Amino acid sequence: MATVKNYLPTIVTMGNLACGFGAIVFIINNELAYAAWLVILAMIFDGLDGQVARLTKTTIAWGAHLDTLADMITFGLIPAFLIGRLGALNAPVAVWFVCFFYTSSAAIRLAKFEFELKGSSSGSKRSKYFTGLPSTLAGGTAASLILLDSYLKTTLNIQAVSTCLPCVIFVLGILMLSKVPYVRIVDLVGSKRDPVSLLITSVLFFTLLVFFILYPSIMLALGFCVYILIGIGKHGIFRNRAIHIT
């Protein structure tokens, strides 16, 4: 019989789902910035459920399915509706098609991931890289740009970000289905480092933390965009090496 301990990862997953539900409520009330912050918060829950499962060494059979469903709502549907809702009354049909393309890409990626997860053996070594942009990070990128758009509109009256968002979400959809390698941030943080590298990393982390506290909307968007560009850059380097080898 499963105990409460077995359900801890699932309870964390429900936090992800709760954020998605709250985001829908805020979108209905045209509070897009609050909805975007809930997507960012959902990323934390999404990252924690696996960690909790590993720490407690517990899981339930249908927990992974629930996690996929929660991710589909929070990172597949919500970002598309956030961007579509920006110009809901004046948005052309093409924008909604782009939003649907993003949602379809997230659905395909999550379905493939769950299928591959079933087929992989429990003892197989996990890769240090994601193949394609994870839906969680794609949703976080879209949400961070919504926050940046809100910040720039209220402080500087700049509309440029909202104009570019349909193109951005289209690119995010392509990246989710691509073979671009993206490093696992959890593995990067947890990797062993020499004292000098650890000191530099610590100073950089606290410096970025200060900037994040001062300018959260700017730093979030910058962080996500840099992560995406690094993956694209690495993919280009790997392809060039393969071409030279052949």
Protein backbone atom coordinates (compact mmCIF):
# COMPACT_ATOMS: atom_id res chain seq x y z
CA MET A 1 0.00 0.00 0.00
CA ALA A 2 1.31 3.43 -0.97
CA THR A 3 2.06 5.80 1.88
CA VAL A 4 2.00 9.60 1.96
CA LYS A 5 5.74 9.52 1.25
CA ASN A 6 5.07 7.84 -2.11
CA TYR A 7 2.79 10.69 -3.12
CA LEU A 8 5.23 13.53 -2.31
CA PRO A 9 6.52 13.87 -5.92
CA THR A 10 2.92 13.86 -7.17
CA ILE A 11 1.96 16.57 -4.66
CA VAL A 12 4.78 18.71 -6.07
CA THR A 13 3.51 17.99 -9.60
CA MET A 14 0.07 19.22 -8.49
CA GLY A 15 1.78 22.52 -7.64
CA ASN A 16 2.74 22.75 -11.31
CA LEU A 17 -0.86 22.05 -12.33
CA ALA A 18 -2.18 24.58 -9.81
CA CYS A 19 0.06 27.24 -11.35
CA GLY A 20 -1.33 26.39 -14.78
CA PHE A 21 -4.90 26.68 -13.53
CA GLY A 22 -4.14 30.01 -11.83
CA ALA A 23 -2.51 31.27 -15.02
CA ILE A 24 -5.71 30.52 -16.97
CA VAL A 25 -7.71 32.55 -14.45
CA PHE A 26 -5.32 35.50 -14.81
CA ILE A 27 -5.41 35.28 -18.62
CA ILE A 28 -9.22 35.40 -18.55
CA ASN A 29 -8.97 38.55 -16.43
CA ASN A 30 -6.29 39.98 -18.77
CA GLU A 31 -3.62 39.93 -16.03
CA LEU A 32 -0.92 38.55 -18.30
CA ALA A 33 2.07 39.45 -16.12
CA TYR A 34 0.67 37.51 -13.15
CA ALA A 35 -0.06 34.54 -15.43
CA ALA A 36 3.53 34.67 -16.73
CA TRP A 37 4.92 34.68 -13.18
CA LEU A 38 2.88 31.55 -12.44
CA VAL A 39 4.47 29.82 -15.44
CA ILE A 40 7.90 30.69 -14.00
CA LEU A 41 6.81 29.34 -10.60
CA ALA A 42 5.53 26.16 -12.29
CA MET A 43 9.05 25.61 -13.66
CA ILE A 44 10.30 25.35 -10.08
CA PHE A 45 7.64 22.75 -9.22
CA ASP A 46 8.45 20.86 -12.43
CA GLY A 47 12.12 20.73 -11.51
CA LEU A 48 11.45 19.74 -7.91
CA ASP A 49 9.16 16.75 -8.47
CA GLY A 50 11.95 14.65 -9.99
CA GLN A 51 14.38 15.72 -7.29
CA VAL A 52 11.88 14.80 -4.57
CA ALA A 53 11.31 11.40 -6.20
CA ARG A 54 15.06 10.72 -6.25
CA LEU A 55 15.62 11.93 -2.68
CA THR A 56 12.73 9.95 -1.21
CA LYS A 57 13.25 7.04 -3.65
CA THR A 58 9.50 6.90 -4.13
CA THR A 59 7.14 7.10 -7.06
CA ILE A 60 3.71 5.95 -8.17
CA ALA A 61 2.85 4.28 -11.47
CA TRP A 62 0.79 7.12 -12.90
CA GLY A 63 2.93 9.97 -11.56
CA ALA A 64 4.84 10.41 -14.83
CA HIS A 65 1.57 10.63 -16.79
CA LEU A 66 0.30 13.35 -14.46
CA ASP A 67 3.56 15.24 -14.86
CA THR A 68 3.20 15.13 -18.66
CA LEU A 69 -0.40 16.38 -18.49
CA ALA A 70 0.57 19.20 -16.13
CA ASP A 71 3.45 20.20 -18.42
CA MET A 72 1.14 20.20 -21.43
CA ILE A 73 -1.23 22.63 -19.73
CA THR A 74 1.33 24.92 -18.12
CA PHE A 75 4.07 24.96 -20.77
CA GLY A 76 2.15 23.89 -23.88
CA LEU A 77 -1.15 25.76 -23.70
CA ILE A 78 -0.58 28.73 -21.37
CA PRO A 79 2.34 30.36 -23.27
CA ALA A 80 0.39 30.16 -26.55
CA PHE A 81 -2.66 31.81 -25.01
CA LEU A 82 -0.50 34.43 -23.29
CA ILE A 83 0.95 35.55 -26.61
CA GLY A 84 -2.34 35.23 -28.47
CA ARG A 85 -4.11 37.22 -25.76
CA LEU A 86 -1.69 40.15 -26.15
CA GLY A 87 -3.51 41.21 -29.30
CA ALA A 88 -6.68 39.13 -28.94
CA LEU A 89 -9.01 41.69 -30.53
CA ASN A 90 -6.63 42.79 -33.28
CA ALA A 91 -4.54 39.66 -33.75
CA PRO A 92 -4.72 38.19 -37.25
CA VAL A 93 -5.66 34.55 -37.72
CA ALA A 94 -2.02 33.82 -38.60
CA VAL A 95 -0.97 34.64 -35.04
CA TRP A 96 -3.38 32.08 -33.62
CA PHE A 97 -2.11 29.50 -36.12
CA VAL A 98 1.42 30.18 -34.87
CA CYS A 99 0.22 29.76 -31.28
CA PHE A 100 -1.41 26.46 -32.25
CA PHE A 101 1.84 25.37 -33.90
CA TYR A 102 3.65 26.02 -30.61
CA THR A 103 1.08 24.01 -28.65
CA SER A 104 1.24 21.17 -31.20
CA SER A 105 5.04 21.12 -30.96
CA ALA A 106 4.87 20.90 -27.17
CA ALA A 107 2.29 18.09 -27.38
CA ILE A 108 4.42 16.09 -29.85
CA ARG A 109 7.57 16.59 -27.79
CA LEU A 110 5.90 15.52 -24.53
CA ALA A 111 4.28 12.48 -26.20
CA LYS A 112 7.64 11.41 -27.69
CA PHE A 113 9.37 11.94 -24.35
CA GLU A 114 6.87 9.76 -22.49
CA PHE A 115 7.09 7.08 -25.18
CA GLU A 116 10.89 7.05 -25.02
CA LEU A 117 10.74 7.00 -21.22
CA LYS A 118 8.66 3.83 -21.30
CA GLY A 119 11.04 2.20 -23.74
CA SER A 120 14.25 3.06 -21.89
CA SER A 121 15.66 0.70 -19.28
CA SER A 122 15.94 1.92 -15.70
CA GLY A 123 19.70 1.26 -15.68
CA SER A 124 20.47 3.21 -18.85
CA LYS A 125 22.77 6.20 -18.49
CA ARG A 126 21.10 9.57 -18.80
CA SER A 127 22.49 11.97 -21.38
CA LYS A 128 23.91 15.31 -20.25
CA TYR A 129 21.96 17.01 -23.03
CA PHE A 130 18.33 17.36 -24.03
CA THR A 131 17.65 16.73 -27.71
CA GLY A 132 15.69 19.82 -28.68
CA LEU A 133 14.46 22.56 -26.39
CA PRO A 134 12.46 21.15 -23.43
CA SER A 135 8.84 22.32 -23.30
CA THR A 136 9.42 23.61 -19.77
CA LEU A 137 12.15 25.98 -20.94
CA ALA A 138 10.21 26.96 -24.05
CA GLY A 139 7.25 27.93 -21.87
CA GLY A 140 9.54 29.76 -19.46
CA THR A 141 11.10 31.70 -22.33
CA ALA A 142 7.69 32.79 -23.61
CA ALA A 143 6.59 33.78 -20.10
CA SER A 144 9.79 35.74 -19.46
CA LEU A 145 9.28 37.70 -22.69
CA ILE A 146 5.71 38.51 -21.62
CA LEU A 147 7.16 39.91 -18.39
CA LEU A 148 9.79 41.87 -20.34
CA ASP A 149 7.07 43.22 -22.63
CA SER A 150 4.98 44.34 -19.64
CA TYR A 151 8.01 46.00 -18.01
CA LEU A 152 9.06 47.87 -21.16
CA LYS A 153 5.50 49.03 -21.86
CA THR A 154 4.94 50.40 -18.36
CA THR A 155 8.38 51.99 -17.88
CA LEU A 156 9.53 53.05 -21.37
CA ASN A 157 6.36 52.69 -23.49
CA ILE A 158 8.20 50.33 -25.86
CA GLN A 159 6.01 47.95 -27.90
CA ALA A 160 8.77 46.12 -29.79
CA VAL A 161 8.72 42.88 -27.75
CA SER A 162 5.01 42.18 -28.24
CA THR A 163 5.44 42.73 -32.00
CA CYS A 164 8.18 40.07 -32.16
CA LEU A 165 6.52 37.50 -29.87
CA PRO A 166 4.58 35.58 -32.58
CA CYS A 167 7.85 35.02 -34.46
CA VAL A 168 9.60 34.02 -31.24
CA ILE A 169 6.98 31.45 -30.27
CA PHE A 170 7.17 29.98 -33.79
CA VAL A 171 10.94 29.54 -33.37
CA LEU A 172 10.38 27.98 -29.93
CA GLY A 173 8.02 25.46 -31.51
CA ILE A 174 10.65 24.51 -34.10
CA LEU A 175 13.36 24.21 -31.43
CA MET A 176 11.21 21.83 -29.37
CA LEU A 177 11.06 19.45 -32.34
CA SER A 178 14.67 19.98 -33.41
CA LYS A 179 17.83 18.03 -32.60
CA VAL A 180 19.58 21.05 -31.08
CA PRO A 181 21.43 19.90 -27.91
CA TYR A 182 20.59 21.73 -24.69
CA VAL A 183 22.56 21.07 -21.52
CA ARG A 184 20.69 19.92 -18.41
CA ILE A 185 20.98 22.82 -15.97
CA VAL A 186 20.63 20.52 -12.93
CA ASP A 187 23.63 18.49 -14.08
CA LEU A 188 25.60 21.64 -14.83
CA VAL A 189 25.02 23.03 -11.33
CA GLY A 190 25.74 19.69 -9.67
CA SER A 191 28.95 18.93 -11.59
CA LYS A 192 32.25 18.83 -9.69
CA ARG A 193 34.51 21.84 -10.11
CA ASP A 194 37.97 22.88 -8.97
CA PRO A 195 38.16 25.61 -6.24
CA VAL A 196 38.96 28.44 -8.70
CA SER A 197 36.07 27.57 -11.01
CA LEU A 198 33.77 27.20 -8.01
CA LEU A 199 34.77 30.66 -6.73
CA ILE A 200 34.20 32.26 -10.14
CA THR A 201 30.85 30.49 -10.48
CA SER A 202 29.79 31.61 -6.99
CA VAL A 203 30.73 35.26 -7.65
CA LEU A 204 28.92 35.17 -11.00
CA PHE A 205 25.86 33.58 -9.40
CA PHE A 206 25.55 36.18 -6.64
CA THR A 207 26.18 39.01 -9.11
CA LEU A 208 23.39 37.76 -11.33
CA LEU A 209 21.19 37.28 -8.25
CA VAL A 210 21.60 40.95 -7.34
CA PHE A 211 20.68 42.02 -10.88
CA PHE A 212 17.72 39.63 -10.82
CA ILE A 213 16.42 41.19 -7.59
CA LEU A 214 16.78 44.67 -9.12
CA TYR A 215 15.52 43.85 -12.63
CA PRO A 216 13.74 40.46 -12.56
CA SER A 217 11.87 40.86 -15.84
CA ILE A 218 15.00 41.81 -17.78
CA MET A 219 17.25 39.17 -16.22
CA LEU A 220 14.78 36.32 -16.72
CA ALA A 221 14.34 37.10 -20.41
CA LEU A 222 18.09 37.56 -20.85
CA GLY A 223 18.86 34.26 -19.12
CA PHE A 224 16.41 32.24 -21.21
CA CYS A 225 17.52 33.83 -24.47
CA VAL A 226 21.21 33.24 -23.72
CA TYR A 227 20.47 29.59 -22.90
CA ILE A 228 18.63 29.12 -26.20
CA LEU A 229 21.35 30.83 -28.23
CA ILE A 230 24.10 28.75 -26.58
CA GLY A 231 22.27 25.58 -27.63
CA ILE A 232 21.93 26.81 -31.21
CA GLY A 233 25.60 27.80 -31.24
CA LYS A 234 26.71 24.38 -29.97
CA HIS A 235 24.55 22.69 -32.58
CA GLY A 236 26.27 24.74 -35.28
CA ILE A 237 29.72 23.81 -33.93
CA PHE A 238 28.84 20.11 -33.82
CA ARG A 239 27.52 20.19 -37.39
CA ASN A 240 30.61 21.99 -38.67
CA ARG A 241 32.86 19.39 -37.00
CA ALA A 242 30.84 16.58 -38.54
CA ILE A 243 31.16 18.17 -41.98
CA HIS A 244 34.94 18.55 -41.60
CA ILE A 245 35.32 14.94 -40.40
CA THR A 246 33.34 13.54 -43.34
